[in-house]
Structures are given as structure tokens and as C-alpha cells.
Amino acid sequence: MPALLLALVLACGDTTMSTDGWEKTCEAPVECLAVTVGEVCGCSCEVGVINASQEEEWNAERDEILESCEEVYECSPCPDVEVTCEDGLCVVVD
């Protein structure tokens, strides 16, 4: 997400993240990364997948949103999920 768009989102108080617009293509399972999506300030265990090359950018955007949270809840760990590369796209294994 471009920095200007992220700034506008934060100014409006949106503290959710989605994998919409993030790269999900792959050639091998090692290129896929499970990420937590949904409400950043709350206890979301909803999972999305992105290309692992974007991990640093994803974490930076998540950290920036966390800074805007009025309250951050302490949550139990989410269950582990397995991701793979299927037909050129990163997916969560059912």
C-alpha cells in the first residue's frame, strides 16, 4: 500500500489490514507467508497469505497501524496454519 494511502487510512481511524493488493504469486511454497489480517488493535486470528518477499513491508505497515491504536489487546496465540504454492498462487492449506 503506498505510503500516502496508508496515511489517509490511518487518519480516518481504520486499523484493519487485508491482503488485497499484496503480491500472492509464487513458484514454490517457501515463497509464501501467512499473515494475520483483520483488526490490528484487537485479537484477530484471521489468516491471509502474501509473497514472503513482502514480509518487511507488511510488518512495517502493521507496526505503523499499531502505533495509532488507542488500546492494543493482549491476545492468546493464534493456531499455526500451513501455506503452500498452488497453481502459481500462495494459499492456506485446508
Protein backbone atom coordinates (compact mmCIF):
# COMPACT_ATOMS: atom_id res chain seq x y z
CA MET A 1 0.00 0.00 0.00
CA PRO A 2 1.52 3.34 -0.96
CA ALA A 3 2.55 5.49 2.00
CA LEU A 4 0.13 8.31 1.11
CA LEU A 5 -2.80 5.90 1.03
CA LEU A 6 -1.69 4.38 4.34
CA ALA A 7 -1.53 7.87 5.87
CA LEU A 8 -5.07 8.58 4.69
CA VAL A 9 -6.32 5.28 6.07
CA LEU A 10 -4.72 5.97 9.45
CA ALA A 11 -6.11 9.48 9.53
CA CYS A 12 -9.58 8.00 9.12
CA GLY A 13 -9.01 5.59 12.00
CA ASP A 14 -9.02 2.34 10.01
CA THR A 15 -6.96 -0.17 11.97
CA THR A 16 -7.57 -3.23 9.81
CA MET A 17 -5.25 -4.99 7.39
CA SER A 18 -6.09 -7.08 4.37
CA THR A 19 -4.03 -8.89 1.75
CA ASP A 20 -5.92 -7.06 -1.01
CA GLY A 21 -3.38 -5.51 -3.33
CA TRP A 22 -0.45 -7.55 -1.98
CA GLU A 23 1.56 -9.90 -4.20
CA LYS A 24 0.48 -13.54 -3.86
CA THR A 25 2.23 -15.17 -6.83
CA CYS A 26 4.79 -17.90 -6.23
CA GLU A 27 6.76 -20.72 -7.80
CA ALA A 28 7.43 -22.68 -4.58
CA PRO A 29 5.84 -22.94 -1.11
CA VAL A 30 8.86 -21.26 0.51
CA GLU A 31 7.81 -18.04 -1.24
CA CYS A 32 4.53 -17.90 0.72
CA LEU A 33 3.92 -16.28 4.10
CA ALA A 34 0.88 -16.49 6.37
CA VAL A 35 -0.09 -13.12 7.84
CA THR A 36 -2.76 -12.09 10.33
CA VAL A 37 -5.44 -9.93 8.74
CA GLY A 38 -8.39 -8.07 10.18
CA GLU A 39 -8.39 -5.78 13.19
CA VAL A 40 -4.78 -4.96 14.12
CA CYS A 41 -5.62 -3.48 17.54
CA GLY A 42 -7.79 -6.46 18.52
CA CYS A 43 -7.43 -10.22 18.66
CA SER A 44 -7.87 -11.35 15.08
CA CYS A 45 -6.72 -14.85 14.12
CA GLU A 46 -7.97 -14.47 10.55
CA VAL A 47 -5.21 -15.53 8.16
CA GLY A 48 -4.23 -14.32 4.71
CA VAL A 49 -1.21 -15.07 2.55
CA ILE A 50 1.28 -12.89 0.73
CA ASN A 51 4.53 -13.46 -1.11
CA ALA A 52 7.26 -13.75 1.54
CA SER A 53 9.37 -11.11 -0.24
CA GLN A 54 6.92 -8.53 1.16
CA GLU A 55 7.27 -9.55 4.82
CA GLU A 56 9.32 -6.49 5.82
CA GLU A 57 6.86 -4.07 4.19
CA TRP A 58 3.86 -5.91 5.73
CA ASN A 59 5.42 -5.73 9.21
CA ALA A 60 6.27 -2.04 8.79
CA GLU A 61 2.67 -1.20 7.85
CA ARG A 62 1.35 -3.31 10.73
CA ASP A 63 3.69 -1.55 13.18
CA GLU A 64 2.54 1.84 11.90
CA ILE A 65 -1.10 0.89 12.43
CA LEU A 66 -0.30 -0.45 15.92
CA GLU A 67 1.10 2.98 16.83
CA SER A 68 -2.32 4.51 16.03
CA CYS A 69 -4.28 2.08 18.24
CA GLU A 70 -5.88 3.63 21.30
CA GLU A 71 -5.64 0.25 23.02
CA VAL A 72 -3.87 -2.95 21.98
CA TYR A 73 -5.27 -6.12 23.49
CA GLU A 74 -3.06 -8.89 24.81
CA CYS A 75 -4.31 -11.97 22.98
CA SER A 76 -3.73 -15.70 23.08
CA PRO A 77 -1.54 -17.05 20.27
CA CYS A 78 -3.35 -17.94 17.07
CA PRO A 79 -3.22 -21.52 15.79
CA ASP A 80 -0.46 -22.30 13.30
CA VAL A 81 -1.51 -22.57 9.67
CA GLU A 82 0.23 -24.15 6.71
CA VAL A 83 0.63 -22.30 3.43
CA THR A 84 1.68 -23.56 0.04
CA CYS A 85 2.06 -22.51 -3.58
CA GLU A 86 -0.77 -23.86 -5.71
CA ASP A 87 -1.10 -23.07 -9.40
CA GLY A 88 1.23 -20.10 -9.02
CA LEU A 89 -0.59 -18.54 -6.05
CA CYS A 90 0.07 -18.63 -2.31
CA VAL A 91 -2.82 -20.29 -0.46
CA VAL A 92 -3.67 -21.56 3.03
CA VAL A 93 -3.74 -25.36 3.19
CA ASP A 94 -7.18 -26.60 4.27
